[in-house]
N, C-alpha and C. Protein backbone atom coordinates (compact mmCIF):
# COMPACT_ATOMS: atom_id res chain seq x y z
N UNK A 1 81.53 61.32 -60.09
CA UNK A 1 80.82 61.59 -61.28
C UNK A 1 79.75 60.54 -61.54
N UNK A 2 80.16 59.23 -61.32
CA UNK A 2 79.16 58.16 -61.49
C UNK A 2 78.01 58.32 -60.55
N UNK A 3 78.29 58.72 -59.28
CA UNK A 3 77.26 58.88 -58.30
C UNK A 3 76.28 59.96 -58.71
N UNK A 4 76.81 61.06 -59.28
CA UNK A 4 75.98 62.13 -59.75
C UNK A 4 75.10 61.67 -60.89
N UNK A 5 75.66 60.93 -61.83
CA UNK A 5 74.85 60.40 -62.95
C UNK A 5 73.77 59.44 -62.45
N UNK A 6 74.13 58.55 -61.56
CA UNK A 6 73.20 57.60 -60.96
C UNK A 6 72.05 58.37 -60.29
N UNK A 7 72.40 59.37 -59.48
CA UNK A 7 71.41 60.15 -58.80
C UNK A 7 70.50 60.83 -59.75
N UNK A 8 71.05 61.44 -60.83
CA UNK A 8 70.25 62.12 -61.80
C UNK A 8 69.30 61.15 -62.52
N UNK A 9 69.80 59.95 -62.88
CA UNK A 9 68.96 58.95 -63.53
C UNK A 9 67.82 58.56 -62.63
N UNK A 10 68.10 58.29 -61.35
CA UNK A 10 67.07 57.89 -60.42
C UNK A 10 66.07 58.99 -60.18
N UNK A 11 66.57 60.22 -60.13
CA UNK A 11 65.65 61.39 -59.95
C UNK A 11 64.73 61.48 -61.16
N UNK A 12 65.29 61.29 -62.35
CA UNK A 12 64.46 61.36 -63.59
C UNK A 12 63.41 60.26 -63.57
N UNK A 13 63.76 59.05 -63.16
CA UNK A 13 62.76 57.98 -63.06
C UNK A 13 61.71 58.37 -62.09
N UNK A 14 62.10 58.90 -60.94
CA UNK A 14 61.07 59.31 -59.93
C UNK A 14 60.20 60.41 -60.51
N UNK A 15 60.81 61.35 -61.24
CA UNK A 15 60.03 62.46 -61.82
C UNK A 15 59.05 61.91 -62.84
N UNK A 16 59.49 60.97 -63.69
CA UNK A 16 58.65 60.41 -64.69
C UNK A 16 57.44 59.72 -64.05
N UNK A 17 57.73 59.06 -62.93
CA UNK A 17 56.63 58.34 -62.26
C UNK A 17 55.67 59.33 -61.62
N UNK A 18 56.12 60.56 -61.42
CA UNK A 18 55.26 61.62 -60.86
C UNK A 18 54.54 61.17 -59.60
N UNK A 19 55.28 60.53 -58.70
CA UNK A 19 54.77 60.07 -57.42
C UNK A 19 53.64 59.03 -57.55
N UNK A 20 53.45 58.44 -58.73
CA UNK A 20 52.54 57.34 -58.89
C UNK A 20 53.39 56.10 -58.82
N UNK A 21 52.93 55.08 -58.11
CA UNK A 21 53.72 53.86 -58.03
C UNK A 21 53.50 52.94 -59.18
N UNK A 22 52.45 53.11 -59.92
CA UNK A 22 52.20 52.24 -61.05
C UNK A 22 51.94 53.06 -62.30
N UNK A 23 52.70 52.79 -63.34
CA UNK A 23 52.51 53.46 -64.63
C UNK A 23 51.62 52.58 -65.49
N UNK A 24 51.33 53.03 -66.68
CA UNK A 24 50.52 52.22 -67.58
C UNK A 24 51.25 50.91 -67.94
N UNK A 25 52.53 50.82 -67.83
CA UNK A 25 53.26 49.61 -68.12
C UNK A 25 53.40 48.71 -66.88
N UNK A 26 52.83 49.06 -65.76
CA UNK A 26 52.91 48.26 -64.56
C UNK A 26 54.22 48.44 -63.79
N UNK A 27 54.88 49.57 -63.95
CA UNK A 27 56.12 49.87 -63.25
C UNK A 27 55.80 50.25 -61.79
N UNK A 28 56.33 49.48 -60.83
CA UNK A 28 56.09 49.76 -59.43
C UNK A 28 57.37 50.00 -58.66
N UNK A 29 57.28 50.82 -57.63
CA UNK A 29 58.43 51.20 -56.87
C UNK A 29 58.19 50.91 -55.38
N UNK A 30 59.20 50.37 -54.72
CA UNK A 30 59.14 50.20 -53.30
C UNK A 30 60.27 50.94 -52.62
N UNK A 31 60.07 51.28 -51.36
CA UNK A 31 61.12 51.99 -50.62
C UNK A 31 61.54 51.09 -49.44
N UNK A 32 62.86 51.08 -49.18
CA UNK A 32 63.32 50.25 -48.04
C UNK A 32 64.34 51.04 -47.25
N UNK A 33 64.29 50.92 -45.93
CA UNK A 33 65.25 51.55 -45.02
C UNK A 33 66.25 50.47 -44.61
N UNK A 34 67.35 50.40 -45.32
CA UNK A 34 68.36 49.37 -45.09
C UNK A 34 68.94 49.48 -43.67
N UNK A 35 69.15 50.65 -43.20
CA UNK A 35 69.69 50.86 -41.82
C UNK A 35 68.81 50.24 -40.79
N UNK A 36 67.49 50.44 -40.92
CA UNK A 36 66.54 49.88 -39.96
C UNK A 36 66.56 48.35 -40.01
N UNK A 37 66.75 47.80 -41.19
CA UNK A 37 66.82 46.35 -41.34
C UNK A 37 68.06 45.80 -40.65
N UNK A 38 69.17 46.44 -40.90
CA UNK A 38 70.47 45.96 -40.33
C UNK A 38 70.43 46.06 -38.81
N UNK A 39 69.82 47.12 -38.26
CA UNK A 39 69.71 47.23 -36.81
C UNK A 39 68.98 46.13 -36.16
N UNK A 40 68.09 45.46 -36.92
CA UNK A 40 67.28 44.36 -36.40
C UNK A 40 68.01 43.01 -36.37
N UNK A 41 69.13 42.96 -37.13
CA UNK A 41 69.79 41.66 -37.29
C UNK A 41 70.79 41.42 -36.13
N UNK A 42 70.61 40.31 -35.40
CA UNK A 42 71.52 39.98 -34.32
C UNK A 42 72.99 39.87 -34.79
N UNK A 43 73.21 39.31 -36.00
CA UNK A 43 74.57 39.19 -36.47
C UNK A 43 75.20 40.55 -36.80
N UNK A 44 74.41 41.52 -37.12
CA UNK A 44 74.94 42.88 -37.35
C UNK A 44 75.28 43.50 -35.99
N UNK A 45 74.50 43.29 -35.00
CA UNK A 45 74.75 43.78 -33.68
C UNK A 45 76.04 43.16 -33.11
N UNK A 46 76.17 41.85 -33.30
CA UNK A 46 77.39 41.15 -32.85
C UNK A 46 78.59 41.65 -33.61
N UNK A 47 78.47 41.90 -34.90
CA UNK A 47 79.61 42.43 -35.71
C UNK A 47 80.00 43.75 -35.22
N UNK A 48 79.01 44.60 -34.95
CA UNK A 48 79.28 45.95 -34.44
C UNK A 48 80.03 45.89 -33.12
N UNK A 49 79.56 45.02 -32.23
CA UNK A 49 80.19 44.89 -30.91
C UNK A 49 81.65 44.41 -31.07
N UNK A 50 81.86 43.43 -31.95
CA UNK A 50 83.21 42.92 -32.18
C UNK A 50 84.12 43.99 -32.72
N UNK A 51 83.62 44.79 -33.65
CA UNK A 51 84.48 45.87 -34.25
C UNK A 51 84.74 46.97 -33.22
N UNK A 52 83.81 47.26 -32.44
CA UNK A 52 84.03 48.26 -31.37
C UNK A 52 85.09 47.82 -30.37
N UNK A 53 85.01 46.53 -29.98
CA UNK A 53 85.99 45.93 -29.03
C UNK A 53 87.40 45.91 -29.66
N UNK A 54 87.45 45.48 -30.92
CA UNK A 54 88.74 45.41 -31.59
C UNK A 54 89.40 46.83 -31.76
N UNK A 55 88.54 47.77 -32.13
CA UNK A 55 89.01 49.11 -32.30
C UNK A 55 89.48 49.72 -30.97
N UNK A 56 88.73 49.43 -29.89
CA UNK A 56 89.11 49.97 -28.56
C UNK A 56 90.42 49.32 -28.09
N UNK A 57 90.60 48.03 -28.34
CA UNK A 57 91.84 47.38 -27.99
C UNK A 57 93.04 48.00 -28.65
N UNK A 58 92.90 48.22 -29.95
CA UNK A 58 94.04 48.84 -30.67
C UNK A 58 94.21 50.30 -30.30
N UNK A 59 93.09 50.99 -30.09
CA UNK A 59 93.18 52.37 -29.68
C UNK A 59 93.90 52.52 -28.34
N UNK A 60 93.58 51.64 -27.38
CA UNK A 60 94.22 51.67 -26.09
C UNK A 60 95.76 51.49 -26.24
N UNK A 61 96.13 50.54 -27.11
CA UNK A 61 97.54 50.29 -27.31
C UNK A 61 98.25 51.53 -27.93
N UNK A 62 97.56 52.12 -28.91
CA UNK A 62 98.12 53.33 -29.58
C UNK A 62 98.24 54.48 -28.63
N UNK A 63 97.26 54.68 -27.77
CA UNK A 63 97.28 55.80 -26.79
C UNK A 63 98.42 55.55 -25.81
N UNK A 64 98.56 54.31 -25.33
CA UNK A 64 99.64 53.98 -24.39
C UNK A 64 101.02 54.21 -25.06
N UNK A 65 101.17 53.76 -26.30
CA UNK A 65 102.43 53.95 -26.99
C UNK A 65 102.71 55.43 -27.23
N UNK A 66 101.66 56.20 -27.62
CA UNK A 66 101.86 57.62 -27.86
C UNK A 66 102.26 58.36 -26.55
N UNK A 67 101.64 57.98 -25.48
CA UNK A 67 102.00 58.58 -24.14
C UNK A 67 103.43 58.27 -23.78
N UNK A 68 103.84 57.06 -24.01
CA UNK A 68 105.21 56.62 -23.75
C UNK A 68 106.20 57.45 -24.62
N UNK A 69 105.89 57.55 -25.87
CA UNK A 69 106.70 58.32 -26.79
C UNK A 69 106.81 59.79 -26.38
N UNK A 70 105.68 60.36 -25.96
CA UNK A 70 105.67 61.72 -25.45
C UNK A 70 106.60 61.92 -24.27
N UNK A 71 106.51 60.97 -23.34
CA UNK A 71 107.38 61.00 -22.16
C UNK A 71 108.82 60.92 -22.56
N UNK A 72 109.14 60.01 -23.50
CA UNK A 72 110.55 59.88 -23.94
C UNK A 72 111.02 61.20 -24.60
N UNK A 73 110.14 61.82 -25.39
CA UNK A 73 110.52 63.07 -26.07
C UNK A 73 110.76 64.16 -25.02
N UNK A 74 109.89 64.27 -24.01
CA UNK A 74 110.05 65.26 -22.94
C UNK A 74 111.37 65.05 -22.22
N UNK A 75 111.69 63.80 -21.90
CA UNK A 75 112.97 63.47 -21.26
C UNK A 75 114.14 63.85 -22.12
N UNK A 76 114.00 63.58 -23.44
CA UNK A 76 115.04 63.97 -24.40
C UNK A 76 115.23 65.48 -24.32
N UNK A 77 114.18 66.22 -24.38
CA UNK A 77 114.25 67.69 -24.40
C UNK A 77 114.97 68.21 -23.14
N UNK A 78 114.69 67.58 -21.98
CA UNK A 78 115.30 67.97 -20.71
C UNK A 78 116.78 67.68 -20.70
N UNK A 79 117.19 66.56 -21.31
CA UNK A 79 118.56 66.06 -21.21
C UNK A 79 119.45 66.41 -22.41
N UNK A 80 118.88 66.92 -23.50
CA UNK A 80 119.66 67.12 -24.69
C UNK A 80 120.77 68.13 -24.53
N UNK A 81 120.58 69.09 -23.60
CA UNK A 81 121.65 70.11 -23.38
C UNK A 81 122.90 69.48 -22.80
N UNK A 82 122.76 68.35 -22.14
CA UNK A 82 123.93 67.70 -21.54
C UNK A 82 124.48 66.65 -22.42
N UNK A 83 123.91 66.47 -23.59
CA UNK A 83 124.37 65.38 -24.53
C UNK A 83 125.30 65.97 -25.55
N UNK A 84 126.20 65.14 -26.02
CA UNK A 84 127.09 65.50 -27.15
C UNK A 84 126.21 65.61 -28.41
N UNK A 85 126.57 66.44 -29.38
CA UNK A 85 125.76 66.61 -30.54
C UNK A 85 125.46 65.30 -31.27
N UNK A 86 126.43 64.41 -31.36
CA UNK A 86 126.14 63.14 -32.06
C UNK A 86 125.17 62.28 -31.26
N UNK A 87 125.22 62.35 -29.91
CA UNK A 87 124.26 61.61 -29.08
C UNK A 87 122.87 62.23 -29.21
N UNK A 88 122.80 63.57 -29.32
CA UNK A 88 121.50 64.21 -29.48
C UNK A 88 120.86 63.73 -30.80
N UNK A 89 121.68 63.71 -31.82
CA UNK A 89 121.16 63.24 -33.16
C UNK A 89 120.68 61.80 -33.10
N UNK A 90 121.47 60.97 -32.45
CA UNK A 90 121.14 59.53 -32.29
C UNK A 90 119.82 59.38 -31.53
N UNK A 91 119.67 60.05 -30.45
CA UNK A 91 118.43 59.96 -29.65
C UNK A 91 117.23 60.50 -30.43
N UNK A 92 117.41 61.63 -31.13
CA UNK A 92 116.32 62.17 -31.94
C UNK A 92 115.92 61.20 -33.02
N UNK A 93 116.89 60.54 -33.68
CA UNK A 93 116.57 59.60 -34.73
C UNK A 93 115.81 58.41 -34.16
N UNK A 94 116.16 57.98 -32.95
CA UNK A 94 115.45 56.86 -32.33
C UNK A 94 113.97 57.27 -32.09
N UNK A 95 113.80 58.47 -31.56
CA UNK A 95 112.44 58.96 -31.31
C UNK A 95 111.64 59.09 -32.63
N UNK A 96 112.23 59.60 -33.68
CA UNK A 96 111.58 59.69 -34.92
C UNK A 96 111.22 58.35 -35.49
N UNK A 97 112.13 57.36 -35.36
CA UNK A 97 111.82 56.04 -35.83
C UNK A 97 110.66 55.41 -35.04
N UNK A 98 110.66 55.64 -33.74
CA UNK A 98 109.57 55.09 -32.94
C UNK A 98 108.25 55.75 -33.33
N UNK A 99 108.28 57.03 -33.60
CA UNK A 99 107.06 57.73 -34.04
C UNK A 99 106.58 57.17 -35.37
N UNK A 100 107.50 56.90 -36.29
CA UNK A 100 107.16 56.31 -37.55
C UNK A 100 106.57 54.90 -37.35
N UNK A 101 107.20 54.12 -36.45
CA UNK A 101 106.68 52.79 -36.12
C UNK A 101 105.26 52.88 -35.61
N UNK A 102 105.00 53.81 -34.74
CA UNK A 102 103.67 54.03 -34.18
C UNK A 102 102.68 54.37 -35.30
N UNK A 103 103.05 55.23 -36.18
CA UNK A 103 102.17 55.62 -37.32
C UNK A 103 101.90 54.38 -38.21
N UNK A 104 102.95 53.57 -38.45
CA UNK A 104 102.78 52.39 -39.30
C UNK A 104 101.86 51.37 -38.61
N UNK A 105 102.07 51.20 -37.31
CA UNK A 105 101.20 50.29 -36.51
C UNK A 105 99.75 50.76 -36.58
N UNK A 106 99.56 52.04 -36.38
CA UNK A 106 98.19 52.60 -36.43
C UNK A 106 97.54 52.34 -37.78
N UNK A 107 98.26 52.65 -38.86
CA UNK A 107 97.74 52.40 -40.21
C UNK A 107 97.44 50.93 -40.47
N UNK A 108 98.31 50.08 -40.00
CA UNK A 108 98.13 48.63 -40.15
C UNK A 108 96.93 48.12 -39.40
N UNK A 109 96.68 48.65 -38.22
CA UNK A 109 95.47 48.23 -37.42
C UNK A 109 94.21 48.79 -38.04
N UNK A 110 94.27 50.00 -38.59
CA UNK A 110 93.09 50.54 -39.29
C UNK A 110 92.73 49.65 -40.45
N UNK A 111 93.75 49.27 -41.19
CA UNK A 111 93.48 48.35 -42.34
C UNK A 111 92.94 47.01 -41.88
N UNK A 112 93.49 46.52 -40.79
CA UNK A 112 93.02 45.20 -40.21
C UNK A 112 91.55 45.36 -39.80
N UNK A 113 91.17 46.44 -39.17
CA UNK A 113 89.78 46.64 -38.74
C UNK A 113 88.90 46.76 -39.96
N UNK A 114 89.36 47.47 -40.99
CA UNK A 114 88.57 47.61 -42.19
C UNK A 114 88.33 46.26 -42.88
N UNK A 115 89.35 45.40 -42.90
CA UNK A 115 89.22 44.09 -43.50
C UNK A 115 88.28 43.24 -42.66
N UNK A 116 88.41 43.31 -41.39
CA UNK A 116 87.48 42.54 -40.51
C UNK A 116 86.05 43.03 -40.67
N UNK A 117 85.86 44.35 -40.77
CA UNK A 117 84.54 44.94 -41.04
C UNK A 117 83.94 44.35 -42.32
N UNK A 118 84.75 44.31 -43.38
CA UNK A 118 84.25 43.78 -44.67
C UNK A 118 83.91 42.32 -44.52
N UNK A 119 84.73 41.55 -43.83
CA UNK A 119 84.51 40.13 -43.64
C UNK A 119 83.21 39.88 -42.86
N UNK A 120 82.95 40.71 -41.84
CA UNK A 120 81.77 40.55 -41.04
C UNK A 120 80.50 41.03 -41.73
N UNK A 121 80.60 42.12 -42.52
CA UNK A 121 79.44 42.70 -43.11
C UNK A 121 79.01 42.07 -44.42
N UNK A 122 79.94 41.43 -45.16
CA UNK A 122 79.55 40.87 -46.42
C UNK A 122 78.40 39.89 -46.34
N UNK A 123 78.42 38.93 -45.44
CA UNK A 123 77.27 38.00 -45.34
C UNK A 123 75.94 38.73 -44.98
N UNK A 124 76.06 39.79 -44.18
CA UNK A 124 74.87 40.54 -43.81
C UNK A 124 74.37 41.30 -45.03
N UNK A 125 75.24 41.89 -45.81
CA UNK A 125 74.83 42.56 -47.06
C UNK A 125 74.09 41.59 -47.99
N UNK A 126 74.68 40.42 -48.15
CA UNK A 126 74.10 39.42 -49.03
C UNK A 126 72.69 39.03 -48.48
N UNK A 127 72.58 38.80 -47.22
CA UNK A 127 71.33 38.39 -46.62
C UNK A 127 70.26 39.45 -46.82
N UNK A 128 70.60 40.71 -46.59
CA UNK A 128 69.67 41.83 -46.74
C UNK A 128 69.25 41.98 -48.20
N UNK A 129 70.24 41.92 -49.09
CA UNK A 129 69.97 42.03 -50.50
C UNK A 129 69.04 40.95 -51.01
N UNK A 130 69.30 39.72 -50.57
CA UNK A 130 68.42 38.60 -51.00
C UNK A 130 67.01 38.74 -50.44
N UNK A 131 66.90 39.20 -49.21
CA UNK A 131 65.56 39.42 -48.64
C UNK A 131 64.82 40.55 -49.33
N UNK A 132 65.51 41.64 -49.69
CA UNK A 132 64.90 42.74 -50.46
C UNK A 132 64.45 42.23 -51.79
N UNK A 133 65.30 41.46 -52.49
CA UNK A 133 64.88 40.95 -53.78
C UNK A 133 63.70 39.99 -53.68
N UNK A 134 63.69 39.19 -52.64
CA UNK A 134 62.55 38.24 -52.49
C UNK A 134 61.28 38.98 -52.24
N UNK A 135 61.28 39.99 -51.33
CA UNK A 135 60.08 40.76 -51.02
C UNK A 135 59.61 41.54 -52.28
N UNK A 136 60.62 42.13 -52.98
CA UNK A 136 60.31 42.87 -54.22
C UNK A 136 59.64 41.99 -55.24
N UNK A 137 60.14 40.77 -55.43
CA UNK A 137 59.56 39.84 -56.38
C UNK A 137 58.16 39.44 -55.96
N UNK A 138 57.99 39.12 -54.67
CA UNK A 138 56.70 38.66 -54.18
C UNK A 138 55.66 39.81 -54.29
N UNK A 139 56.07 41.04 -54.14
CA UNK A 139 55.18 42.17 -54.17
C UNK A 139 55.08 42.76 -55.63
N UNK A 140 55.84 42.09 -56.55
CA UNK A 140 55.85 42.51 -57.94
C UNK A 140 56.30 43.94 -58.13
N UNK A 141 57.38 44.28 -57.46
CA UNK A 141 57.94 45.62 -57.55
C UNK A 141 58.98 45.65 -58.71
N UNK A 142 58.97 46.70 -59.45
CA UNK A 142 59.95 46.86 -60.55
C UNK A 142 61.25 47.40 -60.05
N UNK A 143 61.17 48.22 -58.97
CA UNK A 143 62.37 48.84 -58.45
C UNK A 143 62.17 49.10 -56.96
N UNK A 144 63.30 48.97 -56.22
CA UNK A 144 63.29 49.31 -54.78
C UNK A 144 64.34 50.35 -54.59
N UNK A 145 63.97 51.48 -53.98
CA UNK A 145 64.89 52.57 -53.68
C UNK A 145 65.23 52.57 -52.21
N UNK A 146 66.49 52.97 -51.91
CA UNK A 146 66.93 53.05 -50.54
C UNK A 146 66.38 54.34 -49.90
N UNK A 147 65.70 54.21 -48.83
CA UNK A 147 65.12 55.34 -48.10
C UNK A 147 66.17 56.25 -47.47
N UNK A 148 67.28 55.68 -47.07
CA UNK A 148 68.30 56.44 -46.37
C UNK A 148 69.24 57.25 -47.28
N UNK A 149 69.05 57.15 -48.59
CA UNK A 149 69.86 57.96 -49.50
C UNK A 149 69.02 59.14 -49.93
N UNK A 150 69.06 60.20 -49.16
CA UNK A 150 68.20 61.36 -49.37
C UNK A 150 68.41 61.97 -50.74
N UNK A 151 69.53 61.83 -51.39
CA UNK A 151 69.75 62.42 -52.71
C UNK A 151 68.97 61.69 -53.78
N UNK A 152 68.50 60.47 -53.47
CA UNK A 152 67.77 59.72 -54.44
C UNK A 152 66.25 59.82 -54.25
N UNK A 153 65.81 59.64 -53.00
CA UNK A 153 64.32 59.62 -52.72
C UNK A 153 63.93 61.06 -52.33
N UNK A 154 63.17 61.68 -53.16
CA UNK A 154 62.72 63.03 -52.88
C UNK A 154 61.40 63.04 -52.06
N UNK A 155 60.62 62.04 -52.29
CA UNK A 155 59.34 61.90 -51.61
C UNK A 155 58.87 60.45 -51.78
N UNK A 156 58.22 59.94 -50.77
CA UNK A 156 57.57 58.62 -50.94
C UNK A 156 56.44 58.53 -49.96
N UNK A 157 55.43 57.80 -50.38
CA UNK A 157 54.28 57.48 -49.53
C UNK A 157 54.67 56.27 -48.72
N UNK A 158 54.51 56.35 -47.40
CA UNK A 158 54.96 55.27 -46.52
C UNK A 158 54.28 53.93 -46.79
N UNK A 159 53.16 53.98 -47.49
CA UNK A 159 52.51 52.66 -47.76
C UNK A 159 53.37 51.80 -48.73
N UNK A 160 54.33 52.42 -49.38
CA UNK A 160 55.17 51.67 -50.28
C UNK A 160 56.51 51.28 -49.67
N UNK A 161 56.65 51.53 -48.38
CA UNK A 161 57.87 51.17 -47.62
C UNK A 161 57.80 49.65 -47.26
N UNK A 162 58.72 48.92 -47.80
CA UNK A 162 58.69 47.45 -47.59
C UNK A 162 59.71 47.01 -46.51
N UNK A 163 60.27 47.99 -45.78
CA UNK A 163 61.25 47.70 -44.74
C UNK A 163 60.82 46.57 -43.80
N UNK A 164 59.64 46.75 -43.23
CA UNK A 164 59.20 45.74 -42.24
C UNK A 164 58.88 44.39 -42.82
N UNK A 165 58.52 44.34 -44.06
CA UNK A 165 58.27 43.07 -44.72
C UNK A 165 59.64 42.36 -44.97
N UNK A 166 60.68 43.18 -45.27
CA UNK A 166 62.01 42.58 -45.42
C UNK A 166 62.55 42.07 -44.11
N UNK A 167 62.34 42.83 -43.01
CA UNK A 167 62.75 42.36 -41.68
C UNK A 167 62.04 41.06 -41.33
N UNK A 168 60.75 41.05 -41.58
CA UNK A 168 59.96 39.81 -41.33
C UNK A 168 60.46 38.66 -42.12
N UNK A 169 60.82 38.90 -43.38
CA UNK A 169 61.31 37.86 -44.27
C UNK A 169 62.63 37.26 -43.71
N UNK A 170 63.50 38.14 -43.27
CA UNK A 170 64.81 37.70 -42.70
C UNK A 170 64.55 36.93 -41.40
N UNK A 171 63.71 37.43 -40.51
CA UNK A 171 63.51 36.82 -39.22
C UNK A 171 62.86 35.43 -39.38
N UNK A 172 61.93 35.30 -40.35
CA UNK A 172 61.29 34.03 -40.56
C UNK A 172 62.18 33.08 -41.35
N UNK A 173 63.15 33.65 -42.01
CA UNK A 173 64.12 32.85 -42.81
C UNK A 173 63.52 32.19 -44.01
N UNK A 174 62.46 32.74 -44.56
CA UNK A 174 61.81 32.10 -45.72
C UNK A 174 61.97 32.98 -46.91
């Protein structure tokens, strides 16, 4: 609901501006492609690589565990006819517990990857936000809209896109 209201408010602002970047009150708008900026940052590329490696490591473990569990279940199915009913129940409970352990492990590792992603991306978010703010202030922009959120930006003239000035700002570190 909040996203819908925000989108509606931004759409109304854009409508009021009627595709003019400057109103009689000096209201100016810039457009920025955050995704393009992030792709240019070495620390973002390193974070992405680390997250892919971590995810692959856990995924390999989960796949190996799942295959092992599948083999155990197939063996159980083959042998259960020769087992006493209480032994069948005991083996089935073991398999169910292992399946639950696998599910818990998977969820735990997803949470761990999510936390690591947040830890890696927060400094990048701050850096990009600060650079956008700095460029916006130096260009005397009243508002900067994200180019990659299609529900907000209906149209823009590329001359108001400050993406490359933000990238330059970050790379120069000033």
